[in-house]
């Protein structure tokens, strides 16, 4: 049987190889991940993440899963909303990212209502109807089978729960020339300068181009069973927040 093919950036690779290659990218950049996020976005990523948490309407005592949680930016904000009576699980497929995120959050005194679990978003190791809210920030584009991940997320959400996906997307036409120049000319140089790793940030630019556009991702949420789905463009569509509910 012929191997199923998927994309790793612009490169076509066997499906079973992609997760290993994505893991290698984040193993490479983990030590400089936060610095690069600030450098790449001029700090705007912090505003995007705060907006997502405001849109999530998280309340004290709720159970929240932060997928592809990385170094904990969203988990820290979520933990403040759920309070000590709630529970936040930071999950990532990459062990190095979880280790770094856990250390960072502990150093900042955020840990009392947090757990850390290494998991693949396509096969979440949680019971049905477990979470009031699930967030995923800048992780969906790295998933091999995005529809399987959305199906898995839907399964573990409680009825009445909601999913928020923050992800790079497709900018409006007026921004595209400048955005392409920045992505393919400037971004790899920043990666080389700050992380000594141009290739990983070249993959970042390519993975964004291969990610579904806003309307396609909206249809994928609906296919997974989500209702009242919508998206909001941020910074001219450079980033979009998709939201869907399980009723």
C-alpha atoms as a PDB file:
ATOM      1  CA  UNK A   1       0.000   0.000   0.000  1.00  0.00           C
ATOM      2  CA  UNK A   2       1.336   3.389  -0.971  1.00  0.00           C
ATOM      3  CA  UNK A   3       2.132   5.819   1.873  1.00  0.00           C
ATOM      4  CA  UNK A   4      -0.339   8.672   2.356  1.00  0.00           C
ATOM      5  CA  UNK A   5       1.260  12.011   1.559  1.00  0.00           C
ATOM      6  CA  UNK A   6       0.909  15.307   3.388  1.00  0.00           C
ATOM      7  CA  UNK A   7       2.740  18.644   3.447  1.00  0.00           C
ATOM      8  CA  UNK A   8       5.643  19.688   5.622  1.00  0.00           C
ATOM      9  CA  UNK A   9       5.808  23.286   4.545  1.00  0.00           C
ATOM     10  CA  UNK A  10       6.017  23.171   0.748  1.00  0.00           C
ATOM     11  CA  UNK A  11       7.565  19.699   0.811  1.00  0.00           C
ATOM     12  CA  UNK A  12       5.487  16.562   0.349  1.00  0.00           C
ATOM     13  CA  UNK A  13       6.253  13.873   2.946  1.00  0.00           C
ATOM     14  CA  UNK A  14       4.638  10.612   4.137  1.00  0.00           C
ATOM     15  CA  UNK A  15       1.959  11.307   6.769  1.00  0.00           C
ATOM     16  CA  UNK A  16       3.725   9.280   9.456  1.00  0.00           C
ATOM     17  CA  UNK A  17       6.876  11.381   8.981  1.00  0.00           C
ATOM     18  CA  UNK A  18       5.337  14.815   9.495  1.00  0.00           C
ATOM     19  CA  UNK A  19       4.856  14.650  13.279  1.00  0.00           C
ATOM     20  CA  UNK A  20       8.489  13.662  13.750  1.00  0.00           C
ATOM     21  CA  UNK A  21       9.691  16.533  11.582  1.00  0.00           C
ATOM     22  CA  UNK A  22       7.445  19.064  13.309  1.00  0.00           C
ATOM     23  CA  UNK A  23       8.737  17.798  16.660  1.00  0.00           C
ATOM     24  CA  UNK A  24      12.320  18.343  15.447  1.00  0.00           C
ATOM     25  CA  UNK A  25      11.488  21.936  14.468  1.00  0.00           C
ATOM     26  CA  UNK A  26      10.197  22.777  17.933  1.00  0.00           C
ATOM     27  CA  UNK A  27      13.019  20.895  19.656  1.00  0.00           C
ATOM     28  CA  UNK A  28      15.328  23.199  17.733  1.00  0.00           C
ATOM     29  CA  UNK A  29      13.592  26.491  18.553  1.00  0.00           C
ATOM     30  CA  UNK A  30      12.298  25.868  22.089  1.00  0.00           C
ATOM     31  CA  UNK A  31      15.056  27.781  23.904  1.00  0.00           C
ATOM     32  CA  UNK A  32      14.396  30.928  21.874  1.00  0.00           C
ATOM     33  CA  UNK A  33      10.686  30.422  21.207  1.00  0.00           C
ATOM     34  CA  UNK A  34       9.361  33.299  23.323  1.00  0.00           C
ATOM     35  CA  UNK A  35      12.029  35.705  22.131  1.00  0.00           C
ATOM     36  CA  UNK A  36      11.261  34.876  18.507  1.00  0.00           C
ATOM     37  CA  UNK A  37       7.511  35.314  19.023  1.00  0.00           C
ATOM     38  CA  UNK A  38       8.132  38.848  20.249  1.00  0.00           C
ATOM     39  CA  UNK A  39      10.623  39.584  17.474  1.00  0.00           C
ATOM     40  CA  UNK A  40       8.417  38.190  14.704  1.00  0.00           C
ATOM     41  CA  UNK A  41       5.249  40.007  15.738  1.00  0.00           C
ATOM     42  CA  UNK A  42       6.735  43.061  17.464  1.00  0.00           C
ATOM     43  CA  UNK A  43       4.930  41.829  20.557  1.00  0.00           C
ATOM     44  CA  UNK A  44       1.491  41.896  18.921  1.00  0.00           C
ATOM     45  CA  UNK A  45       1.023  38.159  19.558  1.00  0.00           C
ATOM     46  CA  UNK A  46       0.361  39.039  23.204  1.00  0.00           C
ATOM     47  CA  UNK A  47      -2.608  41.194  22.193  1.00  0.00           C
ATOM     48  CA  UNK A  48      -3.953  38.445  19.909  1.00  0.00           C
ATOM     49  CA  UNK A  49      -3.804  35.944  22.777  1.00  0.00           C
ATOM     50  CA  UNK A  50      -5.548  38.268  25.219  1.00  0.00           C
ATOM     51  CA  UNK A  51      -8.334  38.806  22.704  1.00  0.00           C
ATOM     52  CA  UNK A  52      -8.807  35.040  22.378  1.00  0.00           C
ATOM     53  CA  UNK A  53      -9.165  34.679  26.144  1.00  0.00           C
ATOM     54  CA  UNK A  54     -11.687  37.529  26.219  1.00  0.00           C
ATOM     55  CA  UNK A  55     -13.663  35.790  23.447  1.00  0.00           C
ATOM     56  CA  UNK A  56     -13.532  32.456  25.308  1.00  0.00           C
ATOM     57  CA  UNK A  57     -15.632  33.817  28.199  1.00  0.00           C
ATOM     58  CA  UNK A  58     -13.946  31.470  30.682  1.00  0.00           C
ATOM     59  CA  UNK A  59     -15.512  31.503  34.136  1.00  0.00           C
ATOM     60  CA  UNK A  60     -14.300  30.464  37.592  1.00  0.00           C
ATOM     61  CA  UNK A  61     -14.447  26.731  38.224  1.00  0.00           C
ATOM     62  CA  UNK A  62     -14.417  25.667  34.573  1.00  0.00           C
ATOM     63  CA  UNK A  63     -12.315  22.887  33.030  1.00  0.00           C
ATOM     64  CA  UNK A  64     -10.176  24.167  30.132  1.00  0.00           C
ATOM     65  CA  UNK A  65      -7.784  22.416  27.747  1.00  0.00           C
ATOM     66  CA  UNK A  66      -5.070  24.464  26.031  1.00  0.00           C
ATOM     67  CA  UNK A  67      -3.842  22.441  23.058  1.00  0.00           C
ATOM     68  CA  UNK A  68      -0.424  23.060  21.507  1.00  0.00           C
ATOM     69  CA  UNK A  69       0.088  25.103  24.665  1.00  0.00           C
ATOM     70  CA  UNK A  70       3.824  25.500  24.162  1.00  0.00           C
ATOM     71  CA  UNK A  71       5.448  27.745  26.725  1.00  0.00           C
ATOM     72  CA  UNK A  72       2.164  28.627  28.413  1.00  0.00           C
ATOM     73  CA  UNK A  73       1.095  32.096  27.241  1.00  0.00           C
ATOM     74  CA  UNK A  74      -2.558  31.116  26.896  1.00  0.00           C
ATOM     75  CA  UNK A  75      -2.541  28.705  29.856  1.00  0.00           C
ATOM     76  CA  UNK A  76      -1.332  31.492  32.171  1.00  0.00           C
ATOM     77  CA  UNK A  77      -4.185  33.763  31.114  1.00  0.00           C
ATOM     78  CA  UNK A  78      -6.717  30.932  31.334  1.00  0.00           C
ATOM     79  CA  UNK A  79      -5.596  29.912  34.830  1.00  0.00           C
ATOM     80  CA  UNK A  80      -6.280  33.431  36.064  1.00  0.00           C
ATOM     81  CA  UNK A  81      -9.864  33.172  34.734  1.00  0.00           C
ATOM     82  CA  UNK A  82     -10.732  29.687  36.062  1.00  0.00           C
ATOM     83  CA  UNK A  83      -9.363  30.441  39.522  1.00  0.00           C
ATOM     84  CA  UNK A  84      -8.177  27.808  42.018  1.00  0.00           C
ATOM     85  CA  UNK A  85     -11.508  25.983  41.860  1.00  0.00           C
ATOM     86  CA  UNK A  86     -11.064  25.363  38.126  1.00  0.00           C
ATOM     87  CA  UNK A  87      -8.611  23.214  36.191  1.00  0.00           C
ATOM     88  CA  UNK A  88      -6.393  24.013  33.204  1.00  0.00           C
ATOM     89  CA  UNK A  89      -4.540  21.366  31.223  1.00  0.00           C
ATOM     90  CA  UNK A  90      -1.661  22.501  29.037  1.00  0.00           C
ATOM     91  CA  UNK A  91      -1.131  19.879  26.352  1.00  0.00           C
ATOM     92  CA  UNK A  92       1.430  19.720  23.570  1.00  0.00           C
ATOM     93  CA  UNK A  93       2.785  16.973  21.339  1.00  0.00           C
ATOM     94  CA  UNK A  94       6.326  18.169  22.009  1.00  0.00           C
ATOM     95  CA  UNK A  95       7.887  17.204  25.355  1.00  0.00           C
ATOM     96  CA  UNK A  96      10.532  19.943  25.202  1.00  0.00           C
ATOM     97  CA  UNK A  97       7.843  22.608  24.819  1.00  0.00           C
ATOM     98  CA  UNK A  98       5.877  21.235  27.774  1.00  0.00           C
ATOM     99  CA  UNK A  99       9.001  21.103  29.932  1.00  0.00           C
ATOM    100  CA  UNK A 100       9.861  24.698  29.079  1.00  0.00           C
ATOM    101  CA  UNK A 101       6.283  25.878  29.568  1.00  0.00           C
ATOM    102  CA  UNK A 102       5.991  24.149  32.938  1.00  0.00           C
ATOM    103  CA  UNK A 103       9.248  25.679  34.181  1.00  0.00           C
ATOM    104  CA  UNK A 104       8.212  29.118  32.978  1.00  0.00           C
ATOM    105  CA  UNK A 105       4.804  28.965  34.638  1.00  0.00           C
ATOM    106  CA  UNK A 106       6.242  27.634  37.897  1.00  0.00           C
ATOM    107  CA  UNK A 107       8.801  30.436  37.904  1.00  0.00           C
ATOM    108  CA  UNK A 108       5.920  32.899  37.578  1.00  0.00           C
ATOM    109  CA  UNK A 109       3.947  31.320  40.406  1.00  0.00           C
ATOM    110  CA  UNK A 110       1.300  29.830  38.126  1.00  0.00           C
ATOM    111  CA  UNK A 111       0.805  26.140  38.841  1.00  0.00           C
ATOM    112  CA  UNK A 112      -1.876  25.493  41.450  1.00  0.00           C
ATOM    113  CA  UNK A 113      -4.669  24.683  38.997  1.00  0.00           C
ATOM    114  CA  UNK A 114      -2.510  23.505  36.076  1.00  0.00           C
ATOM    115  CA  UNK A 115      -1.672  20.044  34.744  1.00  0.00           C
ATOM    116  CA  UNK A 116       0.692  19.228  31.879  1.00  0.00           C
ATOM    117  CA  UNK A 117       0.035  16.366  29.454  1.00  0.00           C
ATOM    118  CA  UNK A 118       1.896  15.358  26.302  1.00  0.00           C
ATOM    119  CA  UNK A 119      -0.711  14.387  23.716  1.00  0.00           C
ATOM    120  CA  UNK A 120      -1.482  14.291  20.011  1.00  0.00           C
ATOM    121  CA  UNK A 121      -4.453  16.516  19.158  1.00  0.00           C
ATOM    122  CA  UNK A 122      -5.697  13.902  16.678  1.00  0.00           C
ATOM    123  CA  UNK A 123      -6.158  11.324  19.462  1.00  0.00           C
ATOM    124  CA  UNK A 124      -6.834  13.172  22.704  1.00  0.00           C
ATOM    125  CA  UNK A 125      -6.513  10.932  25.802  1.00  0.00           C
ATOM    126  CA  UNK A 126      -9.531  12.384  27.596  1.00  0.00           C
ATOM    127  CA  UNK A 127     -13.045  11.145  28.244  1.00  0.00           C
ATOM    128  CA  UNK A 128     -15.978  12.393  26.203  1.00  0.00           C
ATOM    129  CA  UNK A 129     -17.537  15.657  27.389  1.00  0.00           C
ATOM    130  CA  UNK A 130     -14.620  16.647  29.664  1.00  0.00           C
ATOM    131  CA  UNK A 131     -14.002  20.351  29.004  1.00  0.00           C
ATOM    132  CA  UNK A 132     -15.962  23.582  29.087  1.00  0.00           C
ATOM    133  CA  UNK A 133     -13.546  25.270  26.693  1.00  0.00           C
ATOM    134  CA  UNK A 134     -10.633  24.279  24.457  1.00  0.00           C
ATOM    135  CA  UNK A 135      -8.119  26.745  23.047  1.00  0.00           C
ATOM    136  CA  UNK A 136      -5.450  26.139  20.414  1.00  0.00           C
ATOM    137  CA  UNK A 137      -2.961  28.894  19.657  1.00  0.00           C
ATOM    138  CA  UNK A 138      -0.720  28.626  16.598  1.00  0.00           C
ATOM    139  CA  UNK A 139      -0.751  24.843  16.594  1.00  0.00           C
ATOM    140  CA  UNK A 140      -3.403  23.576  14.205  1.00  0.00           C
ATOM    141  CA  UNK A 141      -1.329  24.229  11.087  1.00  0.00           C
ATOM    142  CA  UNK A 142       1.309  21.767  12.371  1.00  0.00           C
ATOM    143  CA  UNK A 143      -1.191  18.929  12.826  1.00  0.00           C
ATOM    144  CA  UNK A 144      -1.000  16.187  10.198  1.00  0.00           C
ATOM    145  CA  UNK A 145      -4.734  15.433  10.022  1.00  0.00           C
ATOM    146  CA  UNK A 146      -6.497  18.643  10.980  1.00  0.00           C
ATOM    147  CA  UNK A 147      -9.992  17.239  10.523  1.00  0.00           C
ATOM    148  CA  UNK A 148      -9.176  14.333  12.858  1.00  0.00           C
ATOM    149  CA  UNK A 149      -7.966  16.845  15.451  1.00  0.00           C
ATOM    150  CA  UNK A 150     -11.162  18.886  15.191  1.00  0.00           C
ATOM    151  CA  UNK A 151     -13.233  15.697  15.514  1.00  0.00           C
ATOM    152  CA  UNK A 152     -11.225  14.711  18.609  1.00  0.00           C
ATOM    153  CA  UNK A 153     -11.663  18.172  20.134  1.00  0.00           C
ATOM    154  CA  UNK A 154     -15.404  18.031  19.551  1.00  0.00           C
ATOM    155  CA  UNK A 155     -15.622  14.668  21.315  1.00  0.00           C
ATOM    156  CA  UNK A 156     -13.950  15.863  24.533  1.00  0.00           C
ATOM    157  CA  UNK A 157     -15.893  19.135  24.771  1.00  0.00           C
ATOM    158  CA  UNK A 158     -18.927  19.243  27.042  1.00  0.00           C
ATOM    159  CA  UNK A 159     -22.289  20.146  25.541  1.00  0.00           C
ATOM    160  CA  UNK A 160     -22.371  23.929  25.684  1.00  0.00           C
ATOM    161  CA  UNK A 161     -18.583  24.044  25.374  1.00  0.00           C
ATOM    162  CA  UNK A 162     -16.631  26.057  22.834  1.00  0.00           C
ATOM    163  CA  UNK A 163     -13.446  25.839  20.804  1.00  0.00           C
ATOM    164  CA  UNK A 164     -11.253  28.810  19.911  1.00  0.00           C
ATOM    165  CA  UNK A 165      -8.475  28.404  17.341  1.00  0.00           C
ATOM    166  CA  UNK A 166      -5.938  31.227  16.999  1.00  0.00           C
ATOM    167  CA  UNK A 167      -3.854  30.683  13.903  1.00  0.00           C
ATOM    168  CA  UNK A 168      -1.963  32.436  11.138  1.00  0.00           C
ATOM    169  CA  UNK A 169      -4.239  32.750   8.143  1.00  0.00           C
ATOM    170  CA  UNK A 170      -4.558  34.407   4.744  1.00  0.00           C
ATOM    171  CA  UNK A 171      -4.227  38.215   4.765  1.00  0.00           C
ATOM    172  CA  UNK A 172      -6.245  40.620   2.668  1.00  0.00           C
ATOM    173  CA  UNK A 173      -4.916  41.183  -0.850  1.00  0.00           C
ATOM    174  CA  UNK A 174      -3.476  44.621  -0.096  1.00  0.00           C
ATOM    175  CA  UNK A 175      -1.166  43.153   2.555  1.00  0.00           C
ATOM    176  CA  UNK A 176      -0.053  40.075   0.631  1.00  0.00           C
ATOM    177  CA  UNK A 177       3.044  41.463  -1.199  1.00  0.00           C
ATOM    178  CA  UNK A 178       4.532  42.948   1.964  1.00  0.00           C
ATOM    179  CA  UNK A 179       3.558  39.883   3.984  1.00  0.00           C
ATOM    180  CA  UNK A 180       5.215  37.528   1.491  1.00  0.00           C
ATOM    181  CA  UNK A 181       8.388  39.619   1.481  1.00  0.00           C
ATOM    182  CA  UNK A 182       8.511  39.601   5.264  1.00  0.00           C
ATOM    183  CA  UNK A 183       7.753  35.873   5.497  1.00  0.00           C
ATOM    184  CA  UNK A 184      10.303  34.606   3.003  1.00  0.00           C
ATOM    185  CA  UNK A 185      13.036  37.236   3.192  1.00  0.00           C
ATOM    186  CA  UNK A 186      12.984  38.702   6.709  1.00  0.00           C
ATOM    187  CA  UNK A 187      11.622  35.903   8.892  1.00  0.00           C
ATOM    188  CA  UNK A 188      14.371  33.338   8.114  1.00  0.00           C
ATOM    189  CA  UNK A 189      16.986  36.014   8.809  1.00  0.00           C
ATOM    190  CA  UNK A 190      15.381  36.748  12.179  1.00  0.00           C
ATOM    191  CA  UNK A 191      15.462  33.023  12.871  1.00  0.00           C
ATOM    192  CA  UNK A 192      19.148  32.917  12.060  1.00  0.00           C
ATOM    193  CA  UNK A 193      19.886  36.013  14.132  1.00  0.00           C
ATOM    194  CA  UNK A 194      17.925  35.145  17.290  1.00  0.00           C
ATOM    195  CA  UNK A 195      17.827  31.337  17.194  1.00  0.00           C
ATOM    196  CA  UNK A 196      20.656  30.377  14.835  1.00  0.00           C
ATOM    197  CA  UNK A 197      18.007  28.481  12.864  1.00  0.00           C
ATOM    198  CA  UNK A 198      16.809  29.913   9.553  1.00  0.00           C
ATOM    199  CA  UNK A 199      15.330  26.614   8.312  1.00  0.00           C
ATOM    200  CA  UNK A 200      12.753  26.246  11.092  1.00  0.00           C
ATOM    201  CA  UNK A 201      11.409  29.728  10.440  1.00  0.00           C
ATOM    202  CA  UNK A 202      11.382  29.108   6.718  1.00  0.00           C
ATOM    203  CA  UNK A 203       9.173  26.107   7.528  1.00  0.00           C
ATOM    204  CA  UNK A 204       6.966  28.420   9.598  1.00  0.00           C
ATOM    205  CA  UNK A 205       6.362  30.684   6.596  1.00  0.00           C
ATOM    206  CA  UNK A 206       5.662  27.722   4.335  1.00  0.00           C
ATOM    207  CA  UNK A 207       3.332  26.011   6.816  1.00  0.00           C
ATOM    208  CA  UNK A 208       1.224  29.166   7.023  1.00  0.00           C
ATOM    209  CA  UNK A 209       0.783  29.181   3.240  1.00  0.00           C
ATOM    210  CA  UNK A 210      -0.353  25.546   3.280  1.00  0.00           C
ATOM    211  CA  UNK A 211      -2.859  26.090   6.100  1.00  0.00           C
ATOM    212  CA  UNK A 212      -6.559  26.261   5.123  1.00  0.00           C
ATOM    213  CA  UNK A 213      -7.915  29.741   4.540  1.00  0.00           C
ATOM    214  CA  UNK A 214     -10.563  31.251   6.787  1.00  0.00           C
ATOM    215  CA  UNK A 215     -13.619  29.902   4.978  1.00  0.00           C
ATOM    216  CA  UNK A 216     -12.145  26.427   4.508  1.00  0.00           C
ATOM    217  CA  UNK A 217     -11.293  26.122   8.199  1.00  0.00           C
ATOM    218  CA  UNK A 218     -14.783  27.361   9.083  1.00  0.00           C
ATOM    219  CA  UNK A 219     -16.246  24.537   6.978  1.00  0.00           C
ATOM    220  CA  UNK A 220     -13.966  22.037   8.722  1.00  0.00           C
ATOM    221  CA  UNK A 221     -15.290  23.105  12.133  1.00  0.00           C
ATOM    222  CA  UNK A 222     -18.832  22.630  10.866  1.00  0.00           C
ATOM    223  CA  UNK A 223     -17.918  19.205   9.455  1.00  0.00           C
ATOM    224  CA  UNK A 224     -16.680  18.172  12.916  1.00  0.00           C
ATOM    225  CA  UNK A 225     -20.110  19.029  14.350  1.00  0.00           C
ATOM    226  CA  UNK A 226     -19.512  22.527  15.710  1.00  0.00           C
ATOM    227  CA  UNK A 227     -22.371  25.008  15.477  1.00  0.00           C
ATOM    228  CA  UNK A 228     -22.674  28.785  15.441  1.00  0.00           C
ATOM    229  CA  UNK A 229     -19.191  28.866  13.893  1.00  0.00           C
ATOM    230  CA  UNK A 230     -17.518  32.153  13.053  1.00  0.00           C
ATOM    231  CA  UNK A 231     -14.127  33.723  12.547  1.00  0.00           C
ATOM    232  CA  UNK A 232     -12.601  37.116  13.196  1.00  0.00           C
ATOM    233  CA  UNK A 233      -9.640  38.425  11.232  1.00  0.00           C
ATOM    234  CA  UNK A 234      -6.888  40.148  13.182  1.00  0.00           C
ATOM    235  CA  UNK A 235      -4.234  42.438  11.654  1.00  0.00           C
ATOM    236  CA  UNK A 236      -5.818  42.265   8.217  1.00  0.00           C
ATOM    237  CA  UNK A 237      -6.174  38.479   8.218  1.00  0.00           C
ATOM    238  CA  UNK A 238      -2.542  37.761   9.037  1.00  0.00           C
ATOM    239  CA  UNK A 239      -4.110  35.939  11.979  1.00  0.00           C
ATOM    240  CA  UNK A 240      -7.677  34.707  12.478  1.00  0.00           C
ATOM    241  CA  UNK A 241      -9.648  33.452  15.472  1.00  0.00           C
ATOM    242  CA  UNK A 242     -12.130  30.684  14.666  1.00  0.00           C
ATOM    243  CA  UNK A 243     -14.800  29.846  17.199  1.00  0.00           C
ATOM    244  CA  UNK A 244     -17.366  27.048  17.340  1.00  0.00           C
ATOM    245  CA  UNK A 245     -19.755  25.607  19.918  1.00  0.00           C
ATOM    246  CA  UNK A 246     -20.907  22.107  20.837  1.00  0.00           C
ATOM    247  CA  UNK A 247     -24.635  22.112  21.570  1.00  0.00           C
END
